[in-house]
């Protein structure tokens, strides 16, 4: 496996190890982020003026229910989640970011920041040495590890988005905390418009296409995760939606459901056979009569657009919609 893909694949799949399942060969274990994102409400509302300025002190809660009070906008910010890092840079906070995870690669500026270790278990000593005012963590860092960091005195704020609206809410929340509400509104307005445009474009499509997505050899997604929502919002029917969360595929079910379109994440190369993920899909003899295979409707999508619940999630939605309905999505 080449180094570039190793870094990209780890970004999304390191947190999938939480299932503690063993996968053979080049399979990875699937992500299983649990509880639904709780509502994140500010007890101190921002001044409702045209400037959208935050009023401090500000008290908010994260997805674990932990309460945080900010006396002012944080000056030293650390992120151990690629999605959170993308959001913080999109808000214009690059100069305030003092550390990122080893796998943060977007935007390019993120690669120049000090590295703080993995996304599941960051380097606590490095984080303490960076003296952050706040550490932002996402779906990959489990609550148990978050609590261990808090016990060490590391102020760790966790989010766990399960839906497109959760992503929007998190961006707004980060904008509130950092006094970048106007920047956050621009991002979320764009995300809302993208979704509205996609929904409008596919609303009259009948019959809806059946879709299957494979994000790692042998793994797909069922209901309850934002990747499934992307398929449904784009006007598709996820053939794996009877399952819940990130699951190993049942080939018999996929064959029986007979998807019209198969999507896969681009970049994977099997280290033994040197086959790409789409080649592995095409080589499954039992799948030869699936409509998507017969019609060559096997479409590659950039992994990070659909695996990172951050400001580029709208691009991911558009990519999924275009894979399903290329004539409707320009």
Protein backbone atom coordinates (compact mmCIF):
# COMPACT_ATOMS: atom_id res chain seq x y z
CA UNK A 1 0.00 0.00 0.00
CA UNK A 2 1.50 3.35 -0.94
CA UNK A 3 2.30 5.91 1.74
CA UNK A 4 -0.17 8.47 0.44
CA UNK A 5 -3.10 6.05 0.66
CA UNK A 6 -1.96 4.72 4.03
CA UNK A 7 -2.23 8.23 5.47
CA UNK A 8 -5.63 8.87 3.84
CA UNK A 9 -7.08 5.51 4.82
CA UNK A 10 -5.87 5.83 8.40
CA UNK A 11 -7.57 9.20 8.69
CA UNK A 12 -10.94 7.61 8.28
CA UNK A 13 -10.43 4.12 9.59
CA UNK A 14 -8.27 4.40 12.70
CA UNK A 15 -11.37 5.10 14.70
CA UNK A 16 -13.11 2.06 13.23
CA UNK A 17 -10.97 -0.22 15.39
CA UNK A 18 -13.38 0.41 18.27
CA UNK A 19 -15.47 -2.61 17.17
CA UNK A 20 -12.49 -4.82 18.04
CA UNK A 21 -13.31 -7.08 15.10
CA UNK A 22 -10.57 -8.89 13.29
CA UNK A 23 -10.52 -8.51 9.52
CA UNK A 24 -8.45 -10.71 7.26
CA UNK A 25 -5.94 -9.59 4.68
CA UNK A 26 -6.44 -5.93 3.85
CA UNK A 27 -9.85 -5.49 5.43
CA UNK A 28 -10.28 -2.82 8.03
CA UNK A 29 -12.66 -2.84 10.94
CA UNK A 30 -15.71 -0.65 10.71
CA UNK A 31 -16.41 2.55 12.59
CA UNK A 32 -19.06 2.35 15.25
CA UNK A 33 -19.72 5.75 16.68
CA UNK A 34 -22.56 5.30 19.08
CA UNK A 35 -24.98 7.75 20.64
CA UNK A 36 -26.94 10.30 18.69
CA UNK A 37 -25.54 13.82 18.82
CA UNK A 38 -27.24 15.63 21.70
CA UNK A 39 -28.51 19.11 21.19
CA UNK A 40 -25.76 21.59 21.90
CA UNK A 41 -27.25 24.72 23.38
CA UNK A 42 -25.64 27.87 24.63
CA UNK A 43 -26.79 29.13 27.97
CA UNK A 44 -25.42 32.55 27.09
CA UNK A 45 -26.79 33.65 23.73
CA UNK A 46 -24.74 35.80 21.37
CA UNK A 47 -25.70 39.39 20.79
CA UNK A 48 -28.31 39.32 18.08
CA UNK A 49 -26.92 42.19 16.08
CA UNK A 50 -25.81 42.39 12.49
CA UNK A 51 -22.21 41.75 13.40
CA UNK A 52 -23.05 38.36 14.97
CA UNK A 53 -20.61 38.94 17.80
CA UNK A 54 -20.33 36.44 20.63
CA UNK A 55 -21.02 37.67 24.14
CA UNK A 56 -18.69 36.31 26.81
CA UNK A 57 -18.66 34.65 29.21
CA UNK A 58 -20.20 31.91 27.09
CA UNK A 59 -21.38 28.56 28.45
CA UNK A 60 -21.99 25.62 26.12
CA UNK A 61 -22.18 21.82 26.32
CA UNK A 62 -20.47 19.26 24.11
CA UNK A 63 -21.80 15.89 22.91
CA UNK A 64 -20.82 14.21 26.19
CA UNK A 65 -22.92 16.66 28.19
CA UNK A 66 -19.84 18.34 29.63
CA UNK A 67 -20.32 22.04 30.30
CA UNK A 68 -17.68 24.55 29.19
CA UNK A 69 -17.47 28.24 30.05
CA UNK A 70 -15.35 30.52 27.88
CA UNK A 71 -14.39 33.88 29.35
CA UNK A 72 -13.16 34.96 25.91
CA UNK A 73 -12.47 33.50 22.50
CA UNK A 74 -9.75 30.83 22.79
CA UNK A 75 -6.34 31.98 21.58
CA UNK A 76 -4.58 28.60 21.48
CA UNK A 77 -6.65 25.92 19.76
CA UNK A 78 -5.72 22.29 19.22
CA UNK A 79 -7.59 19.76 17.08
CA UNK A 80 -7.18 16.00 17.08
CA UNK A 81 -9.80 15.33 14.39
CA UNK A 82 -9.42 15.94 10.63
CA UNK A 83 -13.03 17.14 10.30
CA UNK A 84 -12.64 19.59 13.17
CA UNK A 85 -9.34 20.81 11.77
CA UNK A 86 -10.97 21.50 8.41
CA UNK A 87 -13.75 23.42 10.15
CA UNK A 88 -11.38 25.55 12.23
CA UNK A 89 -9.32 26.50 9.18
CA UNK A 90 -12.51 27.28 7.24
CA UNK A 91 -13.44 29.68 10.03
CA UNK A 92 -10.14 31.51 9.52
CA UNK A 93 -8.52 30.27 12.71
CA UNK A 94 -5.33 28.88 11.20
CA UNK A 95 -3.10 31.30 13.10
CA UNK A 96 -4.60 30.16 16.42
CA UNK A 97 -4.16 26.41 15.83
CA UNK A 98 -1.20 25.09 17.82
CA UNK A 99 -1.48 21.41 16.96
CA UNK A 100 -3.31 18.80 14.86
CA UNK A 101 -3.46 15.03 14.60
CA UNK A 102 -0.90 13.09 12.57
CA UNK A 103 -3.51 12.50 9.88
CA UNK A 104 -4.76 16.03 9.30
CA UNK A 105 -3.96 16.84 5.67
CA UNK A 106 -6.47 19.50 4.63
CA UNK A 107 -6.07 22.34 4.00
CA UNK A 108 -2.40 22.26 3.07
CA UNK A 109 -1.57 24.61 5.95
CA UNK A 110 -2.69 21.92 8.39
CA UNK A 111 0.25 19.76 7.36
CA UNK A 112 2.65 22.38 8.70
CA UNK A 113 1.22 22.39 12.23
CA UNK A 114 2.80 20.45 15.12
CA UNK A 115 1.60 16.84 15.22
CA UNK A 116 -0.16 15.52 18.29
CA UNK A 117 -0.40 11.81 17.55
CA UNK A 118 -3.26 9.57 16.49
CA UNK A 119 -6.92 10.49 16.25
CA UNK A 120 -8.03 7.77 18.68
CA UNK A 121 -5.34 8.23 21.31
CA UNK A 122 -3.40 11.47 20.85
CA UNK A 123 -0.11 12.19 22.60
CA UNK A 124 -1.13 13.66 25.95
CA UNK A 125 2.36 14.92 26.78
CA UNK A 126 2.61 16.78 23.48
CA UNK A 127 -0.82 18.30 23.99
CA UNK A 128 -0.02 19.47 27.51
CA UNK A 129 3.24 20.99 26.25
CA UNK A 130 1.30 22.90 23.56
CA UNK A 131 -0.70 24.66 26.32
CA UNK A 132 -4.01 24.83 24.40
CA UNK A 133 -6.98 26.77 25.72
CA UNK A 134 -9.22 24.07 24.20
CA UNK A 135 -8.82 20.74 22.42
CA UNK A 136 -11.46 19.81 19.84
CA UNK A 137 -12.10 16.12 19.19
CA UNK A 138 -14.54 14.36 16.87
CA UNK A 139 -16.12 11.00 16.18
CA UNK A 140 -12.86 9.06 16.29
CA UNK A 141 -11.98 9.81 19.91
CA UNK A 142 -14.22 7.86 22.25
CA UNK A 143 -15.69 9.31 25.41
CA UNK A 144 -13.56 7.10 27.65
CA UNK A 145 -10.39 8.58 26.18
CA UNK A 146 -11.88 12.08 26.35
CA UNK A 147 -12.48 11.59 30.07
CA UNK A 148 -8.90 10.40 30.59
CA UNK A 149 -7.67 13.59 28.94
CA UNK A 150 -9.95 15.67 31.13
CA UNK A 151 -8.55 13.91 34.20
CA UNK A 152 -5.12 15.12 33.07
CA UNK A 153 -6.40 18.67 33.02
CA UNK A 154 -6.75 18.85 29.24
CA UNK A 155 -9.85 20.84 28.34
CA UNK A 156 -11.31 18.52 25.69
CA UNK A 157 -14.45 19.39 23.74
CA UNK A 158 -16.02 16.48 21.84
CA UNK A 159 -18.59 16.38 19.04
CA UNK A 160 -20.17 13.33 17.44
CA UNK A 161 -22.20 14.27 14.35
CA UNK A 162 -24.54 11.66 12.93
CA UNK A 163 -26.36 13.81 10.38
CA UNK A 164 -25.85 16.65 7.91
CA UNK A 165 -27.68 18.96 10.32
CA UNK A 166 -25.33 17.90 13.11
CA UNK A 167 -22.41 19.02 10.96
CA UNK A 168 -24.08 22.37 10.41
CA UNK A 169 -24.81 22.73 14.13
CA UNK A 170 -21.20 21.94 15.03
CA UNK A 171 -19.83 24.54 12.63
CA UNK A 172 -22.19 27.12 14.11
CA UNK A 173 -21.10 26.08 17.60
CA UNK A 174 -17.41 26.48 16.76
CA UNK A 175 -18.18 29.88 15.30
CA UNK A 176 -19.95 30.83 18.52
CA UNK A 177 -17.13 29.65 20.77
CA UNK A 178 -14.41 31.39 18.74
CA UNK A 179 -16.35 34.55 17.90
CA UNK A 180 -16.37 33.65 14.21
CA UNK A 181 -20.12 33.53 13.76
CA UNK A 182 -20.19 35.45 10.51
CA UNK A 183 -17.66 33.07 8.97
CA UNK A 184 -19.63 30.10 10.29
CA UNK A 185 -22.84 31.44 8.80
CA UNK A 186 -21.26 31.73 5.36
CA UNK A 187 -20.18 28.09 5.54
CA UNK A 188 -23.48 26.76 6.84
CA UNK A 189 -25.54 28.87 4.43
CA UNK A 190 -23.55 27.28 1.61
CA UNK A 191 -24.09 23.79 3.03
CA UNK A 192 -27.81 24.41 3.31
CA UNK A 193 -28.02 25.75 -0.23
CA UNK A 194 -26.08 22.78 -1.60
CA UNK A 195 -28.49 20.39 0.08
CA UNK A 196 -31.49 22.36 -1.13
CA UNK A 197 -30.18 22.37 -4.69
CA UNK A 198 -29.54 18.62 -4.62
CA UNK A 199 -32.95 17.81 -3.17
CA UNK A 200 -34.62 20.00 -5.81
CA UNK A 201 -32.62 18.41 -8.63
CA UNK A 202 -33.57 14.84 -7.73
CA UNK A 203 -37.06 15.28 -6.28
CA UNK A 204 -38.89 14.12 -9.41
CA UNK A 205 -36.61 11.21 -10.22
CA UNK A 206 -38.56 7.95 -10.45
CA UNK A 207 -37.84 5.23 -9.79
CA UNK A 208 -35.15 6.04 -7.30
CA UNK A 209 -31.88 4.26 -7.92
CA UNK A 210 -30.68 1.61 -5.54
CA UNK A 211 -27.16 2.36 -4.33
CA UNK A 212 -24.36 0.47 -2.63
CA UNK A 213 -21.20 2.08 -1.24
CA UNK A 214 -18.01 0.26 -0.25
CA UNK A 215 -15.58 2.46 1.65
CA UNK A 216 -13.08 -0.29 2.45
CA UNK A 217 -12.79 -3.88 1.17
CA UNK A 218 -15.80 -5.73 2.52
CA UNK A 219 -17.29 -2.82 4.47
CA UNK A 220 -20.32 -0.64 3.89
CA UNK A 221 -22.67 1.61 5.86
CA UNK A 222 -26.22 1.13 7.11
CA UNK A 223 -28.73 3.45 8.74
CA UNK A 224 -27.86 5.85 11.53
CA UNK A 225 -24.69 7.34 10.00
CA UNK A 226 -24.20 10.50 7.96
CA UNK A 227 -22.85 8.56 4.97
CA UNK A 228 -26.18 6.73 4.70
CA UNK A 229 -27.97 10.07 4.94
CA UNK A 230 -25.91 11.40 2.03
CA UNK A 231 -27.21 8.57 -0.17
CA UNK A 232 -30.81 9.15 0.86
CA UNK A 233 -30.63 12.94 0.55
CA UNK A 234 -29.17 12.48 -2.93
CA UNK A 235 -32.28 10.57 -3.93
CA UNK A 236 -30.87 7.07 -3.62
CA UNK A 237 -31.92 3.97 -1.74
CA UNK A 238 -29.11 2.42 0.28
CA UNK A 239 -29.33 -1.35 -0.25
CA UNK A 240 -27.57 -1.86 3.10
CA UNK A 241 -29.92 0.35 5.10
CA UNK A 242 -31.52 -2.59 6.89
CA UNK A 243 -28.28 -2.85 8.85
CA UNK A 244 -27.18 -0.22 11.35
CA UNK A 245 -23.89 1.62 11.50
CA UNK A 246 -20.67 0.52 9.80
CA UNK A 247 -20.99 -3.14 8.81
CA UNK A 248 -19.25 -5.93 6.96
CA UNK A 249 -21.08 -6.67 3.75
CA UNK A 250 -23.39 -9.63 3.29
CA UNK A 251 -22.80 -10.51 -0.36
CA UNK A 252 -26.04 -12.43 -0.67
CA UNK A 253 -28.01 -9.37 0.42
CA UNK A 254 -26.15 -7.09 -2.00
CA UNK A 255 -26.75 -9.48 -4.89
CA UNK A 256 -30.42 -9.86 -3.99
CA UNK A 257 -30.90 -6.10 -3.65
CA UNK A 258 -29.25 -5.64 -7.07
CA UNK A 259 -27.99 -2.03 -6.82
CA UNK A 260 -28.18 0.23 -9.87
CA UNK A 261 -25.05 2.11 -8.80
CA UNK A 262 -22.01 1.01 -6.82
CA UNK A 263 -19.82 3.70 -5.24
CA UNK A 264 -16.37 3.15 -3.81
CA UNK A 265 -13.74 5.33 -2.16
CA UNK A 266 -10.84 6.05 -4.47
CA UNK A 267 -7.19 5.46 -3.71
CA UNK A 268 -7.10 1.99 -2.16
CA UNK A 269 -4.57 -0.45 -3.66
CA UNK A 270 -4.30 -4.00 -2.32
CA UNK A 271 -0.69 -4.55 -1.29
CA UNK A 272 -0.64 -8.16 -2.47
CA UNK A 273 -2.63 -8.14 -5.71
CA UNK A 274 -2.11 -4.44 -6.51
CA UNK A 275 -5.82 -4.26 -7.32
CA UNK A 276 -7.83 -1.12 -6.68
CA UNK A 277 -11.10 -1.32 -4.76
CA UNK A 278 -13.21 -1.08 -7.91
CA UNK A 279 -11.22 -3.88 -9.51
CA UNK A 280 -11.84 -6.04 -6.45
CA UNK A 281 -15.56 -5.35 -6.77
CA UNK A 282 -15.60 -6.20 -10.48
CA UNK A 283 -13.69 -9.42 -9.88
CA UNK A 284 -16.36 -10.86 -7.58
CA UNK A 285 -17.83 -13.51 -9.87
CA UNK A 286 -21.08 -13.70 -7.96
CA UNK A 287 -21.61 -9.98 -8.61
CA UNK A 288 -21.34 -10.19 -12.39
CA UNK A 289 -25.11 -10.03 -12.89
CA UNK A 290 -25.67 -7.06 -10.61
CA UNK A 291 -27.12 -4.19 -12.64
CA UNK A 292 -24.40 -1.74 -11.59
CA UNK A 293 -21.67 -4.15 -12.67
CA UNK A 294 -23.32 -5.02 -15.99
CA UNK A 295 -23.86 -1.33 -16.78
CA UNK A 296 -20.40 -0.32 -15.56
CA UNK A 297 -22.03 2.02 -13.04
CA UNK A 298 -19.18 1.68 -10.54
CA UNK A 299 -18.24 5.19 -9.48
CA UNK A 300 -15.26 6.37 -7.46
CA UNK A 301 -15.64 9.17 -4.88
CA UNK A 302 -12.92 11.00 -2.98
CA UNK A 303 -12.95 9.40 0.44
CA UNK A 304 -12.47 12.48 2.60
CA UNK A 305 -15.47 14.25 1.08
CA UNK A 306 -17.85 11.62 2.41
CA UNK A 307 -15.97 10.40 5.49
CA UNK A 308 -15.23 13.73 7.21
CA UNK A 309 -18.25 15.44 8.75
CA UNK A 310 -16.92 18.94 8.21
CA UNK A 311 -17.25 21.93 5.88
CA UNK A 312 -16.73 19.84 2.71
CA UNK A 313 -19.65 17.51 3.45
CA UNK A 314 -21.69 19.44 0.86
CA UNK A 315 -19.14 18.48 -1.80
CA UNK A 316 -19.52 14.88 -0.65
CA UNK A 317 -23.30 15.10 -1.01
CA UNK A 318 -22.95 16.51 -4.51
CA UNK A 319 -20.49 13.76 -5.48
CA UNK A 320 -22.91 11.07 -4.31
CA UNK A 321 -25.82 12.72 -6.13
CA UNK A 322 -23.79 12.99 -9.33
CA UNK A 323 -22.83 9.34 -9.11
CA UNK A 324 -26.50 8.44 -8.87
CA UNK A 325 -28.02 10.96 -11.28
CA UNK A 326 -25.34 12.48 -13.52
CA UNK A 327 -27.93 14.01 -15.85
CA UNK A 328 -29.65 15.91 -13.04
CA UNK A 329 -26.49 17.10 -11.26
CA UNK A 330 -24.29 19.51 -13.20
